[in-house]
Amino acid sequence: QVQLVESGGGLVQAGGSLRLSCAASGCTFSSYAMGWFRQAPGKEREFVAAISYSGRSTYYADSVNGRFTISRDNAKNTLYLQMNSLKPEDTALYYCAKGRLGGLPINTDPRNFDYWGQGTQVTVSS
């Protein structure tokens, strides 16, 4: 059974940084693309970033491009999201998700991902 467990969230001031981690088990982690999504209160879940199975290809939402970096360590079955220059509008529950395939999804539709973690809260104060 696939399990994804996020960690690393917390409270940070605007301009600060956080690094999220997602530990995967129950699947051949190195064979699948992975992604990060977020959901703020009263809003729909939105795509943040995705990475191919090898880590060579990445894709970001415009709102985080240049501030966030997605990476993975296939030897440790772990996905990361380095978040710099955080803004209050980044406040949300952050989820990691396992892709259905190895390459980057053709779009950011959440249906391209089949397993989800429980989320880790990120709160950015102004």
C-alpha atoms as a PDB file:
ATOM      1  CA  GLN A   1       0.000   0.000   0.000  1.00  0.00           C
ATOM      2  CA  VAL A   2       1.392   3.354  -1.027  1.00  0.00           C
ATOM      3  CA  GLN A   3       1.960   5.822   1.792  1.00  0.00           C
ATOM      4  CA  LEU A   4       3.126   9.407   1.512  1.00  0.00           C
ATOM      5  CA  VAL A   5       4.015  11.315   4.664  1.00  0.00           C
ATOM      6  CA  GLU A   6       4.795  15.027   4.528  1.00  0.00           C
ATOM      7  CA  SER A   7       6.801  16.941   7.102  1.00  0.00           C
ATOM      8  CA  GLY A   8       8.592  20.252   7.520  1.00  0.00           C
ATOM      9  CA  GLY A   9       5.701  22.672   7.618  1.00  0.00           C
ATOM     10  CA  GLY A  10       5.408  25.417  10.189  1.00  0.00           C
ATOM     11  CA  LEU A  11       5.040  29.110  10.892  1.00  0.00           C
ATOM     12  CA  VAL A  12       7.484  31.466   9.203  1.00  0.00           C
ATOM     13  CA  GLN A  13       7.698  35.200   8.601  1.00  0.00           C
ATOM     14  CA  ALA A  14       7.336  36.641   5.129  1.00  0.00           C
ATOM     15  CA  GLY A  15      10.646  36.430   3.292  1.00  0.00           C
ATOM     16  CA  GLY A  16      11.658  33.315   5.183  1.00  0.00           C
ATOM     17  CA  SER A  17      12.277  29.768   4.013  1.00  0.00           C
ATOM     18  CA  LEU A  18      11.014  26.270   4.708  1.00  0.00           C
ATOM     19  CA  ARG A  19      11.891  22.854   3.348  1.00  0.00           C
ATOM     20  CA  LEU A  20       9.147  20.291   3.033  1.00  0.00           C
ATOM     21  CA  SER A  21       9.810  16.567   2.813  1.00  0.00           C
ATOM     22  CA  CYS A  22       7.634  13.696   1.663  1.00  0.00           C
ATOM     23  CA  ALA A  23       8.624  10.146   2.593  1.00  0.00           C
ATOM     24  CA  ALA A  24       7.214   7.499   0.272  1.00  0.00           C
ATOM     25  CA  SER A  25       6.706   3.792   0.880  1.00  0.00           C
ATOM     26  CA  GLY A  26       4.835   0.923  -0.723  1.00  0.00           C
ATOM     27  CA  CYS A  27       5.837   1.743  -4.295  1.00  0.00           C
ATOM     28  CA  THR A  28       8.893   1.851  -6.524  1.00  0.00           C
ATOM     29  CA  PHE A  29       9.446   5.530  -5.835  1.00  0.00           C
ATOM     30  CA  SER A  30      12.123   5.954  -8.501  1.00  0.00           C
ATOM     31  CA  SER A  31       9.682   4.903 -11.250  1.00  0.00           C
ATOM     32  CA  TYR A  32       7.129   7.677 -10.824  1.00  0.00           C
ATOM     33  CA  ALA A  33       6.814  11.390 -11.238  1.00  0.00           C
ATOM     34  CA  MET A  34       5.922  13.238  -8.056  1.00  0.00           C
ATOM     35  CA  GLY A  35       4.239  16.524  -7.316  1.00  0.00           C
ATOM     36  CA  TRP A  36       3.347  19.100  -4.707  1.00  0.00           C
ATOM     37  CA  PHE A  37      -0.057  20.720  -4.409  1.00  0.00           C
ATOM     38  CA  ARG A  38      -1.501  23.153  -1.880  1.00  0.00           C
ATOM     39  CA  GLN A  39      -4.903  24.163  -0.634  1.00  0.00           C
ATOM     40  CA  ALA A  40      -5.727  27.345   1.226  1.00  0.00           C
ATOM     41  CA  PRO A  41      -8.932  27.702   3.280  1.00  0.00           C
ATOM     42  CA  GLY A  42     -11.925  28.284   1.029  1.00  0.00           C
ATOM     43  CA  LYS A  43      -9.931  27.657  -2.137  1.00  0.00           C
ATOM     44  CA  GLU A  44      -9.476  24.726  -4.486  1.00  0.00           C
ATOM     45  CA  ARG A  45      -6.405  22.550  -4.408  1.00  0.00           C
ATOM     46  CA  GLU A  46      -3.791  24.015  -6.740  1.00  0.00           C
ATOM     47  CA  PHE A  47      -0.695  22.672  -8.408  1.00  0.00           C
ATOM     48  CA  VAL A  48       2.671  23.857  -7.095  1.00  0.00           C
ATOM     49  CA  ALA A  49       5.417  21.784  -8.737  1.00  0.00           C
ATOM     50  CA  ALA A  50       6.182  18.425 -10.316  1.00  0.00           C
ATOM     51  CA  ILE A  51       9.300  16.375 -11.001  1.00  0.00           C
ATOM     52  CA  SER A  52       9.925  13.439 -13.304  1.00  0.00           C
ATOM     53  CA  TYR A  53      10.964  10.012 -12.050  1.00  0.00           C
ATOM     54  CA  SER A  54      14.658  10.754 -12.630  1.00  0.00           C
ATOM     55  CA  GLY A  55      14.578  14.302 -11.324  1.00  0.00           C
ATOM     56  CA  ARG A  56      15.885  15.684 -14.602  1.00  0.00           C
ATOM     57  CA  SER A  57      12.636  17.438 -15.514  1.00  0.00           C
ATOM     58  CA  THR A  58      10.676  19.816 -13.337  1.00  0.00           C
ATOM     59  CA  TYR A  59       7.703  22.125 -13.753  1.00  0.00           C
ATOM     60  CA  TYR A  60       6.388  24.944 -11.542  1.00  0.00           C
ATOM     61  CA  ALA A  61       3.287  27.026 -11.158  1.00  0.00           C
ATOM     62  CA  ASP A  62       3.884  30.616 -12.208  1.00  0.00           C
ATOM     63  CA  SER A  63       3.135  31.787  -8.679  1.00  0.00           C
ATOM     64  CA  VAL A  64       6.135  29.921  -7.209  1.00  0.00           C
ATOM     65  CA  ASN A  65       8.560  29.779 -10.127  1.00  0.00           C
ATOM     66  CA  GLY A  66      11.917  31.187  -9.096  1.00  0.00           C
ATOM     67  CA  ARG A  67      11.144  30.893  -5.368  1.00  0.00           C
ATOM     68  CA  PHE A  68      10.433  27.183  -4.885  1.00  0.00           C
ATOM     69  CA  THR A  69      12.575  24.209  -5.903  1.00  0.00           C
ATOM     70  CA  ILE A  70      11.327  20.639  -6.150  1.00  0.00           C
ATOM     71  CA  SER A  71      13.832  17.799  -5.871  1.00  0.00           C
ATOM     72  CA  ARG A  72      13.987  14.126  -5.004  1.00  0.00           C
ATOM     73  CA  ASP A  73      16.372  11.576  -3.548  1.00  0.00           C
ATOM     74  CA  ASN A  74      15.459   8.223  -5.050  1.00  0.00           C
ATOM     75  CA  ALA A  75      17.896   6.393  -2.779  1.00  0.00           C
ATOM     76  CA  LYS A  76      15.943   7.701   0.220  1.00  0.00           C
ATOM     77  CA  ASN A  77      12.448   7.504  -1.349  1.00  0.00           C
ATOM     78  CA  THR A  78      11.981  11.140  -0.450  1.00  0.00           C
ATOM     79  CA  LEU A  79      10.582  14.171  -2.250  1.00  0.00           C
ATOM     80  CA  TYR A  80      11.476  17.728  -1.246  1.00  0.00           C
ATOM     81  CA  LEU A  81      10.160  21.239  -1.742  1.00  0.00           C
ATOM     82  CA  GLN A  82      12.528  24.070  -0.871  1.00  0.00           C
ATOM     83  CA  MET A  83      10.500  27.246  -0.405  1.00  0.00           C
ATOM     84  CA  ASN A  84      12.296  30.594  -0.313  1.00  0.00           C
ATOM     85  CA  SER A  85      11.072  34.186  -0.211  1.00  0.00           C
ATOM     86  CA  LEU A  86       7.808  33.026   1.258  1.00  0.00           C
ATOM     87  CA  LYS A  87       4.759  35.271   1.039  1.00  0.00           C
ATOM     88  CA  PRO A  88       1.556  35.352   3.102  1.00  0.00           C
ATOM     89  CA  GLU A  89      -0.319  34.079   0.042  1.00  0.00           C
ATOM     90  CA  ASP A  90       1.751  30.877   0.214  1.00  0.00           C
ATOM     91  CA  THR A  91      -0.124  29.958   3.390  1.00  0.00           C
ATOM     92  CA  ALA A  92      -1.838  26.615   2.767  1.00  0.00           C
ATOM     93  CA  LEU A  93      -1.898  22.917   3.497  1.00  0.00           C
ATOM     94  CA  TYR A  94       0.774  21.367   1.284  1.00  0.00           C
ATOM     95  CA  TYR A  95       0.330  17.866  -0.135  1.00  0.00           C
ATOM     96  CA  CYS A  96       2.695  15.590  -1.964  1.00  0.00           C
ATOM     97  CA  ALA A  97       1.293  13.273  -4.604  1.00  0.00           C
ATOM     98  CA  LYS A  98       2.507  10.305  -6.647  1.00  0.00           C
ATOM     99  CA  GLY A  99       2.203  10.519 -10.402  1.00  0.00           C
ATOM    100  CA  ARG A 100       0.539   7.785 -12.427  1.00  0.00           C
ATOM    101  CA  LEU A 101       3.512   7.655 -14.808  1.00  0.00           C
ATOM    102  CA  GLY A 102       7.239   8.295 -14.773  1.00  0.00           C
ATOM    103  CA  GLY A 103       7.358  11.375 -16.951  1.00  0.00           C
ATOM    104  CA  LEU A 104       5.984  14.775 -16.100  1.00  0.00           C
ATOM    105  CA  PRO A 105       2.196  14.885 -16.486  1.00  0.00           C
ATOM    106  CA  ILE A 106       0.957  16.608 -19.634  1.00  0.00           C
ATOM    107  CA  ASN A 107      -0.960  19.070 -17.487  1.00  0.00           C
ATOM    108  CA  THR A 108      -1.397  20.019 -13.832  1.00  0.00           C
ATOM    109  CA  ASP A 109      -4.705  18.211 -13.356  1.00  0.00           C
ATOM    110  CA  PRO A 110      -4.719  16.486  -9.940  1.00  0.00           C
ATOM    111  CA  ARG A 111      -6.185  13.409 -11.663  1.00  0.00           C
ATOM    112  CA  ASN A 112      -2.707  12.769 -13.074  1.00  0.00           C
ATOM    113  CA  PHE A 113      -1.730  11.776  -9.525  1.00  0.00           C
ATOM    114  CA  ASP A 114      -3.108   8.699  -7.814  1.00  0.00           C
ATOM    115  CA  TYR A 115      -1.877   8.758  -4.210  1.00  0.00           C
ATOM    116  CA  TRP A 116      -1.798  11.678  -1.798  1.00  0.00           C
ATOM    117  CA  GLY A 117      -0.337  12.418   1.593  1.00  0.00           C
ATOM    118  CA  GLN A 118      -2.242  13.955   4.494  1.00  0.00           C
ATOM    119  CA  GLY A 119      -0.588  17.337   4.109  1.00  0.00           C
ATOM    120  CA  THR A 120       1.619  19.629   6.163  1.00  0.00           C
ATOM    121  CA  GLN A 121       0.558  23.145   7.142  1.00  0.00           C
ATOM    122  CA  VAL A 122       2.595  26.146   6.039  1.00  0.00           C
ATOM    123  CA  THR A 123       1.690  29.508   7.537  1.00  0.00           C
ATOM    124  CA  VAL A 124       3.458  32.692   6.462  1.00  0.00           C
ATOM    125  CA  SER A 125       2.951  35.758   8.611  1.00  0.00           C
ATOM    126  CA  SER A 126       3.229  39.283   7.270  1.00  0.00           C
END
